[in-house]
Amino acid sequence: MENHKTLETRDVLLKDVNRLKQDAVLVARDARAHAAAHVDETKQRIGNVLAATKENLMAHPVSLLGAGFALGLLFGLRFRR
């Protein structure tokens, strides 16, 4: 009698473990898909920033040179001490 109960308990536990494995696989797939979507969005945003920077370089090269010179002076004064 006791052996029968042990086998039933073992079978129930094995089913629960299999169900947990399946759930873990589903969670991992969802996480991978979610991460891939964020990576794609980040790549697109970086591409947009680079394109906007390139456009600004072409449209205003002198002002960009002045801003770079000013930043260089600020960093030079800051780290000179």
N, C-alpha and C. Protein backbone atom coordinates (compact mmCIF):
# COMPACT_ATOMS: atom_id res chain seq x y z
N MET A 1 0.82 -1.20 0.00
CA MET A 1 0.00 0.00 0.00
C MET A 1 0.86 1.25 0.00
N GLU A 2 1.86 1.22 0.86
CA GLU A 2 2.72 2.40 0.96
C GLU A 2 3.55 2.60 -0.31
N ASN A 3 3.95 1.50 -0.93
CA ASN A 3 4.73 1.56 -2.15
C ASN A 3 3.90 2.18 -3.27
N HIS A 4 2.62 1.85 -3.32
CA HIS A 4 1.72 2.41 -4.33
C HIS A 4 1.59 3.92 -4.17
N LYS A 5 1.48 4.38 -2.94
CA LYS A 5 1.38 5.81 -2.66
C LYS A 5 2.66 6.54 -3.06
N THR A 6 3.79 5.91 -2.81
CA THR A 6 5.08 6.50 -3.17
C THR A 6 5.19 6.64 -4.68
N LEU A 7 4.76 5.63 -5.41
CA LEU A 7 4.80 5.69 -6.87
C LEU A 7 3.88 6.79 -7.40
N GLU A 8 2.72 6.94 -6.82
CA GLU A 8 1.80 8.00 -7.24
C GLU A 8 2.41 9.37 -6.99
N THR A 9 3.02 9.52 -5.82
CA THR A 9 3.65 10.80 -5.48
C THR A 9 4.79 11.10 -6.44
N ARG A 10 5.59 10.06 -6.76
CA ARG A 10 6.69 10.23 -7.69
C ARG A 10 6.18 10.65 -9.07
N ASP A 11 5.11 10.02 -9.53
CA ASP A 11 4.54 10.35 -10.83
C ASP A 11 4.03 11.79 -10.86
N VAL A 12 3.38 12.20 -9.79
CA VAL A 12 2.89 13.58 -9.72
C VAL A 12 4.05 14.57 -9.74
N LEU A 13 5.10 14.25 -8.99
CA LEU A 13 6.27 15.13 -8.95
C LEU A 13 6.95 15.20 -10.31
N LEU A 14 7.06 14.08 -11.01
CA LEU A 14 7.66 14.09 -12.35
C LEU A 14 6.83 14.93 -13.32
N LYS A 15 5.52 14.83 -13.24
CA LYS A 15 4.66 15.66 -14.09
C LYS A 15 4.86 17.14 -13.78
N ASP A 16 4.96 17.46 -12.48
CA ASP A 16 5.18 18.86 -12.09
C ASP A 16 6.53 19.37 -12.59
N VAL A 17 7.55 18.52 -12.50
CA VAL A 17 8.87 18.92 -12.97
C VAL A 17 8.85 19.14 -14.48
N ASN A 18 8.20 18.27 -15.21
CA ASN A 18 8.10 18.43 -16.67
C ASN A 18 7.35 19.71 -17.02
N ARG A 19 6.28 19.99 -16.28
CA ARG A 19 5.52 21.22 -16.52
C ARG A 19 6.39 22.45 -16.24
N LEU A 20 7.18 22.39 -15.17
CA LEU A 20 8.08 23.51 -14.85
C LEU A 20 9.14 23.69 -15.92
N LYS A 21 9.66 22.60 -16.46
CA LYS A 21 10.65 22.69 -17.54
C LYS A 21 10.04 23.37 -18.76
N GLN A 22 8.82 22.98 -19.11
CA GLN A 22 8.14 23.59 -20.26
C GLN A 22 7.91 25.08 -20.02
N ASP A 23 7.49 25.41 -18.82
CA ASP A 23 7.27 26.83 -18.49
C ASP A 23 8.58 27.62 -18.56
N ALA A 24 9.67 27.02 -18.10
CA ALA A 24 10.97 27.70 -18.15
C ALA A 24 11.41 27.94 -19.59
N VAL A 25 11.15 26.97 -20.46
CA VAL A 25 11.50 27.14 -21.88
C VAL A 25 10.68 28.28 -22.48
N LEU A 26 9.40 28.33 -22.15
CA LEU A 26 8.55 29.41 -22.68
C LEU A 26 9.00 30.77 -22.18
N VAL A 27 9.36 30.85 -20.91
CA VAL A 27 9.84 32.12 -20.35
C VAL A 27 11.15 32.54 -21.03
N ALA A 28 12.03 31.59 -21.27
CA ALA A 28 13.30 31.90 -21.93
C ALA A 28 13.07 32.39 -23.35
N ARG A 29 12.14 31.78 -24.06
CA ARG A 29 11.83 32.24 -25.43
C ARG A 29 11.25 33.65 -25.41
N ASP A 30 10.35 33.92 -24.48
CA ASP A 30 9.77 35.26 -24.38
C ASP A 30 10.84 36.30 -24.04
N ALA A 31 11.73 35.95 -23.12
CA ALA A 31 12.80 36.87 -22.74
C ALA A 31 13.72 37.14 -23.92
N ARG A 32 14.05 36.11 -24.68
CA ARG A 32 14.91 36.28 -25.85
C ARG A 32 14.25 37.19 -26.88
N ALA A 33 12.97 36.98 -27.14
CA ALA A 33 12.25 37.80 -28.11
C ALA A 33 12.18 39.24 -27.63
N HIS A 34 11.93 39.44 -26.35
CA HIS A 34 11.85 40.79 -25.79
C HIS A 34 13.20 41.49 -25.88
N ALA A 35 14.27 40.78 -25.57
CA ALA A 35 15.61 41.36 -25.64
C ALA A 35 15.97 41.69 -27.08
N ALA A 36 15.61 40.83 -28.01
CA ALA A 36 15.91 41.09 -29.42
C ALA A 36 15.18 42.34 -29.90
N ALA A 37 13.96 42.53 -29.46
CA ALA A 37 13.21 43.73 -29.85
C ALA A 37 13.89 44.98 -29.31
N HIS A 38 14.38 44.92 -28.07
CA HIS A 38 15.07 46.08 -27.50
C HIS A 38 16.38 46.35 -28.21
N VAL A 39 17.10 45.31 -28.59
CA VAL A 39 18.36 45.49 -29.32
C VAL A 39 18.10 46.14 -30.67
N ASP A 40 17.08 45.69 -31.37
CA ASP A 40 16.74 46.27 -32.67
C ASP A 40 16.35 47.74 -32.53
N GLU A 41 15.57 48.05 -31.51
CA GLU A 41 15.17 49.44 -31.29
C GLU A 41 16.38 50.32 -30.97
N THR A 42 17.30 49.79 -30.17
CA THR A 42 18.50 50.55 -29.81
C THR A 42 19.36 50.78 -31.04
N LYS A 43 19.52 49.77 -31.88
CA LYS A 43 20.29 49.92 -33.12
C LYS A 43 19.68 50.99 -34.01
N GLN A 44 18.36 51.01 -34.09
CA GLN A 44 17.68 52.01 -34.91
C GLN A 44 17.90 53.41 -34.35
N ARG A 45 17.81 53.56 -33.04
CA ARG A 45 18.03 54.87 -32.42
C ARG A 45 19.46 55.36 -32.63
N ILE A 46 20.42 54.45 -32.49
CA ILE A 46 21.82 54.83 -32.70
C ILE A 46 22.02 55.26 -34.15
N GLY A 47 21.42 54.54 -35.07
CA GLY A 47 21.50 54.92 -36.48
C GLY A 47 20.90 56.30 -36.73
N ASN A 48 19.78 56.60 -36.07
CA ASN A 48 19.16 57.92 -36.22
C ASN A 48 20.05 59.03 -35.67
N VAL A 49 20.68 58.77 -34.52
CA VAL A 49 21.56 59.77 -33.91
C VAL A 49 22.77 60.01 -34.82
N LEU A 50 23.34 58.94 -35.36
CA LEU A 50 24.49 59.10 -36.25
C LEU A 50 24.11 59.85 -37.52
N ALA A 51 22.93 59.57 -38.06
CA ALA A 51 22.47 60.28 -39.26
C ALA A 51 22.26 61.76 -38.96
N ALA A 52 21.66 62.08 -37.81
CA ALA A 52 21.44 63.48 -37.45
C ALA A 52 22.77 64.18 -37.21
N THR A 53 23.73 63.50 -36.61
CA THR A 53 25.05 64.09 -36.39
C THR A 53 25.73 64.37 -37.72
N LYS A 54 25.62 63.43 -38.65
CA LYS A 54 26.23 63.63 -39.97
C LYS A 54 25.60 64.82 -40.68
N GLU A 55 24.27 64.94 -40.58
CA GLU A 55 23.58 66.08 -41.19
C GLU A 55 24.05 67.40 -40.57
N ASN A 56 24.20 67.42 -39.24
CA ASN A 56 24.67 68.64 -38.58
C ASN A 56 26.10 68.96 -38.96
N LEU A 57 26.92 67.96 -39.13
CA LEU A 57 28.31 68.19 -39.56
C LEU A 57 28.34 68.83 -40.95
N MET A 58 27.50 68.35 -41.83
CA MET A 58 27.45 68.89 -43.19
C MET A 58 26.85 70.30 -43.22
N ALA A 59 25.86 70.55 -42.39
CA ALA A 59 25.16 71.83 -42.44
C ALA A 59 25.90 72.94 -41.69
N HIS A 60 26.56 72.62 -40.57
CA HIS A 60 27.18 73.65 -39.74
C HIS A 60 28.60 73.25 -39.31
N PRO A 61 29.52 73.17 -40.25
CA PRO A 61 30.86 72.71 -39.86
C PRO A 61 31.62 73.72 -39.00
N VAL A 62 31.44 75.00 -39.23
CA VAL A 62 32.19 76.01 -38.49
C VAL A 62 31.71 76.10 -37.03
N SER A 63 30.41 76.07 -36.82
CA SER A 63 29.90 76.12 -35.45
C SER A 63 30.29 74.86 -34.68
N LEU A 64 30.32 73.74 -35.36
CA LEU A 64 30.74 72.50 -34.71
C LEU A 64 32.22 72.55 -34.36
N LEU A 65 33.00 73.16 -35.20
CA LEU A 65 34.43 73.33 -34.90
C LEU A 65 34.61 74.24 -33.69
N GLY A 66 33.83 75.31 -33.61
CA GLY A 66 33.89 76.20 -32.45
C GLY A 66 33.47 75.50 -31.17
N ALA A 67 32.43 74.70 -31.24
CA ALA A 67 31.96 73.97 -30.05
C ALA A 67 33.02 72.96 -29.61
N GLY A 68 33.65 72.30 -30.55
CA GLY A 68 34.73 71.36 -30.21
C GLY A 68 35.91 72.06 -29.57
N PHE A 69 36.25 73.22 -30.09
CA PHE A 69 37.35 74.00 -29.53
C PHE A 69 37.02 74.43 -28.09
N ALA A 70 35.78 74.89 -27.86
CA ALA A 70 35.36 75.32 -26.52
C ALA A 70 35.38 74.14 -25.54
N LEU A 71 34.90 72.98 -25.98
CA LEU A 71 34.94 71.80 -25.11
C LEU A 71 36.38 71.40 -24.81
N GLY A 72 37.25 71.51 -25.79
CA GLY A 72 38.66 71.19 -25.56
C GLY A 72 39.27 72.12 -24.53
N LEU A 73 38.94 73.41 -24.61
CA LEU A 73 39.45 74.36 -23.62
C LEU A 73 38.92 74.04 -22.21
N LEU A 74 37.63 73.74 -22.13
CA LEU A 74 37.05 73.41 -20.83
C LEU A 74 37.69 72.17 -20.22
N PHE A 75 37.86 71.13 -21.02
CA PHE A 75 38.50 69.92 -20.51
C PHE A 75 39.96 70.18 -20.15
N GLY A 76 40.62 70.98 -20.95
CA GLY A 76 42.02 71.31 -20.66
C GLY A 76 42.16 72.06 -19.35
N LEU A 77 41.28 73.03 -19.12
CA LEU A 77 41.33 73.77 -17.86
C LEU A 77 40.95 72.90 -16.68
N ARG A 78 40.01 72.00 -16.89
CA ARG A 78 39.53 71.14 -15.79
C ARG A 78 40.58 70.14 -15.34
N PHE A 79 41.26 69.52 -16.28
CA PHE A 79 42.20 68.45 -15.94
C PHE A 79 43.65 68.91 -15.88
N ARG A 80 43.89 70.19 -16.07
CA ARG A 80 45.25 70.71 -16.02
C ARG A 80 45.79 70.71 -14.60
N ARG A 81 44.94 70.90 -13.62
CA ARG A 81 45.38 71.04 -12.23
C ARG A 81 45.78 69.77 -11.64
